[in-house]
N, C-alpha and C. Protein backbone atom coordinates (compact mmCIF):
# COMPACT_ATOMS: atom_id res chain seq x y z
N MET A 1 -7.50 -72.76 46.80
CA MET A 1 -6.98 -73.65 45.80
C MET A 1 -7.18 -75.08 46.26
N SER A 2 -7.35 -75.94 45.32
CA SER A 2 -7.55 -77.35 45.67
C SER A 2 -6.22 -78.10 45.66
N ALA A 3 -6.26 -79.30 46.17
CA ALA A 3 -5.07 -80.15 46.20
C ALA A 3 -4.73 -80.61 44.79
N PRO A 4 -3.45 -80.92 44.54
CA PRO A 4 -3.09 -81.43 43.22
C PRO A 4 -3.71 -82.81 42.99
N THR A 5 -3.85 -83.17 41.74
CA THR A 5 -4.42 -84.46 41.39
C THR A 5 -3.39 -85.55 41.60
N PRO A 6 -3.70 -86.58 42.42
CA PRO A 6 -2.73 -87.65 42.63
C PRO A 6 -2.57 -88.52 41.39
N ALA A 7 -1.47 -89.21 41.32
CA ALA A 7 -1.22 -90.12 40.20
C ALA A 7 -2.20 -91.29 40.27
N PRO A 8 -2.49 -91.94 39.15
CA PRO A 8 -3.40 -93.08 39.18
C PRO A 8 -2.90 -94.14 40.17
N GLY A 9 -3.81 -94.61 41.00
CA GLY A 9 -3.46 -95.63 41.98
C GLY A 9 -3.09 -95.06 43.33
N ASP A 10 -2.77 -93.77 43.41
CA ASP A 10 -2.46 -93.15 44.70
C ASP A 10 -3.75 -92.68 45.34
N ASP A 11 -3.79 -92.67 46.66
CA ASP A 11 -4.99 -92.19 47.34
C ASP A 11 -4.90 -90.72 47.68
N ARG A 12 -3.69 -90.16 47.70
CA ARG A 12 -3.53 -88.73 47.97
C ARG A 12 -2.25 -88.25 47.32
N PRO A 13 -2.16 -86.96 47.02
CA PRO A 13 -0.96 -86.45 46.35
C PRO A 13 0.25 -86.47 47.28
N ARG A 14 1.41 -86.76 46.74
CA ARG A 14 2.67 -86.76 47.48
C ARG A 14 3.21 -85.34 47.51
N GLU A 15 4.15 -85.10 48.42
CA GLU A 15 4.74 -83.77 48.48
C GLU A 15 5.65 -83.55 47.28
N GLY A 16 5.76 -82.32 46.87
CA GLY A 16 6.60 -81.97 45.73
C GLY A 16 5.99 -80.84 44.94
N TYR A 17 6.59 -80.54 43.82
CA TYR A 17 6.10 -79.45 42.97
C TYR A 17 5.03 -79.99 42.02
N TYR A 18 3.95 -79.21 41.89
CA TYR A 18 2.85 -79.52 40.98
C TYR A 18 2.53 -78.27 40.20
N PRO A 19 1.86 -78.41 39.04
CA PRO A 19 1.45 -77.21 38.30
C PRO A 19 0.62 -76.30 39.20
N ASP A 20 0.95 -75.02 39.20
CA ASP A 20 0.23 -74.03 40.00
C ASP A 20 -1.12 -73.80 39.33
N PRO A 21 -2.22 -74.11 40.02
CA PRO A 21 -3.53 -73.97 39.40
C PRO A 21 -3.92 -72.52 39.13
N SER A 22 -3.22 -71.56 39.75
CA SER A 22 -3.60 -70.17 39.56
C SER A 22 -2.75 -69.44 38.52
N ILE A 23 -1.58 -70.02 38.14
CA ILE A 23 -0.70 -69.36 37.17
C ILE A 23 -0.23 -70.39 36.14
N PRO A 24 -0.72 -70.32 34.91
CA PRO A 24 -0.28 -71.26 33.87
C PRO A 24 1.23 -71.17 33.64
N GLY A 25 1.89 -72.31 33.49
CA GLY A 25 3.33 -72.35 33.24
C GLY A 25 4.18 -72.27 34.49
N TYR A 26 3.57 -72.23 35.65
CA TYR A 26 4.29 -72.17 36.92
C TYR A 26 4.01 -73.44 37.73
N VAL A 27 4.89 -73.73 38.67
CA VAL A 27 4.69 -74.82 39.60
C VAL A 27 4.68 -74.24 41.02
N ARG A 28 4.11 -75.01 41.93
CA ARG A 28 4.03 -74.59 43.33
C ARG A 28 4.25 -75.82 44.20
N TYR A 29 4.84 -75.64 45.37
CA TYR A 29 5.19 -76.77 46.24
C TYR A 29 4.00 -77.19 47.10
N TRP A 30 3.73 -78.50 47.09
CA TRP A 30 2.70 -79.11 47.91
C TRP A 30 3.40 -79.94 48.97
N ASN A 31 3.15 -79.68 50.26
CA ASN A 31 3.87 -80.37 51.33
C ASN A 31 3.22 -81.67 51.77
N GLY A 32 2.22 -82.13 51.06
CA GLY A 32 1.52 -83.35 51.40
C GLY A 32 0.19 -83.07 52.08
N ALA A 33 0.01 -81.84 52.58
CA ALA A 33 -1.23 -81.47 53.24
C ALA A 33 -1.80 -80.16 52.70
N ALA A 34 -0.93 -79.25 52.23
CA ALA A 34 -1.40 -77.95 51.76
C ALA A 34 -0.34 -77.31 50.85
N TRP A 35 -0.76 -76.32 50.08
CA TRP A 35 0.18 -75.55 49.28
C TRP A 35 1.05 -74.73 50.22
N VAL A 36 2.35 -74.64 49.92
CA VAL A 36 3.28 -73.85 50.74
C VAL A 36 3.33 -72.45 50.14
N PRO A 37 2.97 -71.43 50.91
CA PRO A 37 2.96 -70.06 50.38
C PRO A 37 4.36 -69.62 49.94
N GLY A 38 4.40 -68.84 48.88
CA GLY A 38 5.66 -68.26 48.41
C GLY A 38 6.54 -69.20 47.62
N THR A 39 6.02 -70.35 47.18
CA THR A 39 6.85 -71.32 46.47
C THR A 39 6.52 -71.40 44.98
N SER A 40 5.64 -70.54 44.49
CA SER A 40 5.30 -70.55 43.07
C SER A 40 6.49 -70.04 42.27
N ARG A 41 6.85 -70.77 41.22
CA ARG A 41 7.98 -70.40 40.36
C ARG A 41 7.76 -70.96 38.96
N PRO A 42 8.50 -70.45 37.96
CA PRO A 42 8.33 -71.00 36.60
C PRO A 42 8.61 -72.49 36.58
N ALA A 43 7.83 -73.20 35.78
CA ALA A 43 8.01 -74.65 35.66
C ALA A 43 9.40 -74.96 35.11
N PRO A 44 10.06 -76.00 35.62
CA PRO A 44 11.40 -76.34 35.13
C PRO A 44 11.35 -76.89 33.70
N LYS A 45 12.43 -76.74 33.00
CA LYS A 45 12.53 -77.29 31.65
C LYS A 45 12.65 -78.81 31.75
N ASP A 46 12.43 -79.53 30.68
CA ASP A 46 12.51 -80.99 30.68
C ASP A 46 13.85 -81.46 31.21
N GLY A 47 13.82 -82.42 32.14
CA GLY A 47 15.05 -82.95 32.71
C GLY A 47 15.54 -82.22 33.93
N GLU A 48 15.05 -81.02 34.17
CA GLU A 48 15.43 -80.23 35.35
C GLU A 48 14.60 -80.68 36.54
N SER A 49 15.20 -80.65 37.72
CA SER A 49 14.43 -80.96 38.93
C SER A 49 14.56 -79.79 39.90
N LEU A 50 13.57 -79.66 40.75
CA LEU A 50 13.56 -78.59 41.73
C LEU A 50 13.69 -79.19 43.12
N ALA A 51 14.59 -78.63 43.93
CA ALA A 51 14.74 -79.07 45.31
C ALA A 51 13.61 -78.46 46.14
N PRO A 52 13.22 -79.12 47.24
CA PRO A 52 12.19 -78.52 48.10
C PRO A 52 12.63 -77.13 48.56
N PRO A 53 11.70 -76.23 48.74
CA PRO A 53 12.06 -74.88 49.18
C PRO A 53 12.67 -74.89 50.58
N PRO A 54 13.52 -73.91 50.89
CA PRO A 54 14.13 -73.85 52.23
C PRO A 54 13.05 -73.71 53.31
N GLY A 55 13.30 -74.36 54.43
CA GLY A 55 12.38 -74.27 55.55
C GLY A 55 11.23 -75.26 55.50
N VAL A 56 11.14 -76.03 54.43
CA VAL A 56 10.08 -77.03 54.33
C VAL A 56 10.65 -78.36 54.81
N THR A 57 10.02 -78.90 55.85
CA THR A 57 10.47 -80.20 56.34
C THR A 57 9.68 -81.28 55.65
N PRO A 58 10.35 -82.32 55.17
CA PRO A 58 9.62 -83.39 54.48
C PRO A 58 8.64 -84.08 55.43
N ALA A 59 7.53 -84.50 54.88
CA ALA A 59 6.54 -85.22 55.68
C ALA A 59 7.09 -86.61 56.02
N VAL A 60 6.63 -87.13 57.14
CA VAL A 60 7.04 -88.46 57.57
C VAL A 60 6.32 -89.49 56.71
N GLU A 61 7.05 -90.47 56.24
CA GLU A 61 6.44 -91.51 55.42
C GLU A 61 5.61 -92.44 56.30
N GLU A 62 4.38 -92.69 55.88
CA GLU A 62 3.52 -93.60 56.63
C GLU A 62 3.89 -95.03 56.28
N THR A 63 3.93 -95.88 57.29
CA THR A 63 4.38 -97.26 57.07
C THR A 63 3.29 -98.29 57.27
N GLY A 64 2.20 -97.96 57.90
CA GLY A 64 1.14 -98.92 58.15
C GLY A 64 0.92 -99.11 59.63
N PRO A 65 0.09 -100.07 60.00
CA PRO A 65 -0.25 -100.24 61.41
C PRO A 65 0.91 -100.80 62.23
N HIS A 66 0.98 -100.39 63.47
CA HIS A 66 1.95 -100.90 64.43
C HIS A 66 1.16 -101.47 65.61
N PHE A 67 1.45 -102.70 65.98
CA PHE A 67 0.78 -103.34 67.10
C PHE A 67 1.79 -103.44 68.23
N PHE A 68 1.68 -102.57 69.21
CA PHE A 68 2.67 -102.49 70.27
C PHE A 68 2.56 -103.61 71.29
N ASP A 69 1.45 -104.36 71.26
CA ASP A 69 1.32 -105.47 72.19
C ASP A 69 1.86 -106.78 71.61
N GLU A 70 2.43 -106.75 70.42
CA GLU A 70 3.02 -107.94 69.80
C GLU A 70 4.54 -107.80 69.79
N GLU A 71 5.20 -108.93 69.98
CA GLU A 71 6.66 -108.96 69.91
C GLU A 71 7.10 -109.03 68.46
N PRO A 72 8.25 -108.47 68.12
CA PRO A 72 8.76 -108.62 66.75
C PRO A 72 8.96 -110.09 66.43
N GLY A 73 8.58 -110.51 65.25
CA GLY A 73 8.74 -111.90 64.86
C GLY A 73 7.49 -112.72 65.06
N GLY A 74 6.42 -112.13 65.58
CA GLY A 74 5.17 -112.85 65.70
C GLY A 74 4.96 -113.44 67.08
N PRO A 75 3.84 -114.15 67.28
CA PRO A 75 3.49 -114.69 68.58
C PRO A 75 4.49 -115.72 69.11
N ALA A 76 5.15 -116.49 68.24
CA ALA A 76 6.10 -117.50 68.69
C ALA A 76 7.28 -116.88 69.42
N ALA A 77 7.62 -115.64 69.10
CA ALA A 77 8.77 -114.99 69.71
C ALA A 77 8.47 -114.52 71.13
N SER A 78 7.20 -114.49 71.53
CA SER A 78 6.85 -113.96 72.84
C SER A 78 6.82 -115.04 73.93
N GLY A 79 7.11 -116.31 73.62
CA GLY A 79 7.14 -117.36 74.63
C GLY A 79 5.91 -118.23 74.54
N PRO A 80 5.73 -119.10 75.53
CA PRO A 80 4.60 -120.02 75.48
C PRO A 80 3.27 -119.28 75.65
N ALA A 81 2.24 -119.83 75.04
CA ALA A 81 0.92 -119.22 75.13
C ALA A 81 0.34 -119.48 76.51
N VAL A 82 -0.42 -118.51 77.03
CA VAL A 82 -1.08 -118.65 78.33
C VAL A 82 -2.43 -119.29 78.08
N THR A 83 -2.73 -120.35 78.83
CA THR A 83 -4.01 -121.02 78.68
C THR A 83 -4.78 -120.95 79.98
N GLY A 84 -6.08 -121.11 79.89
CA GLY A 84 -6.90 -121.11 81.08
C GLY A 84 -7.22 -119.72 81.54
N ASN A 85 -7.89 -119.61 82.68
CA ASN A 85 -8.28 -118.33 83.24
C ASN A 85 -7.14 -117.80 84.11
N ALA A 86 -6.61 -116.67 83.79
CA ALA A 86 -5.45 -116.12 84.50
C ALA A 86 -5.80 -115.83 85.96
N ALA A 87 -7.05 -115.47 86.26
CA ALA A 87 -7.45 -115.18 87.64
C ALA A 87 -7.40 -116.45 88.49
N GLU A 88 -7.78 -117.62 87.90
CA GLU A 88 -7.74 -118.88 88.63
C GLU A 88 -6.32 -119.29 88.92
N GLU A 89 -5.41 -119.11 87.95
CA GLU A 89 -4.03 -119.54 88.10
C GLU A 89 -3.28 -118.70 89.13
N THR A 90 -3.64 -117.43 89.29
CA THR A 90 -2.92 -116.57 90.24
C THR A 90 -3.60 -116.51 91.57
N GLY A 91 -4.76 -117.14 91.68
CA GLY A 91 -5.46 -117.14 92.95
C GLY A 91 -6.32 -115.91 93.14
N GLY A 92 -6.49 -115.10 92.13
CA GLY A 92 -7.33 -113.90 92.24
C GLY A 92 -8.79 -114.25 92.11
N SER A 93 -9.65 -113.29 92.40
CA SER A 93 -11.07 -113.57 92.25
C SER A 93 -11.76 -112.61 91.32
């Protein structure tokens, strides 16, 4: 089975229930990476919501890049800038 179709503007489908491509009128749980076996069930009526199936852990939300060599608040928060050749200043060669 293929992945569910993401909403316009999304780059990949989010976790949740999507129409089951193999059974018309049913939904199946997508965990963000693959279909979860044994989660196919009749589609809910309008206004009804389905909770994630038991044993399914929600995927971690991606937040973007993290630069561990930078201090929070930008370069100004890390103190004065180092200028010159560090080897010359410490006497190294």
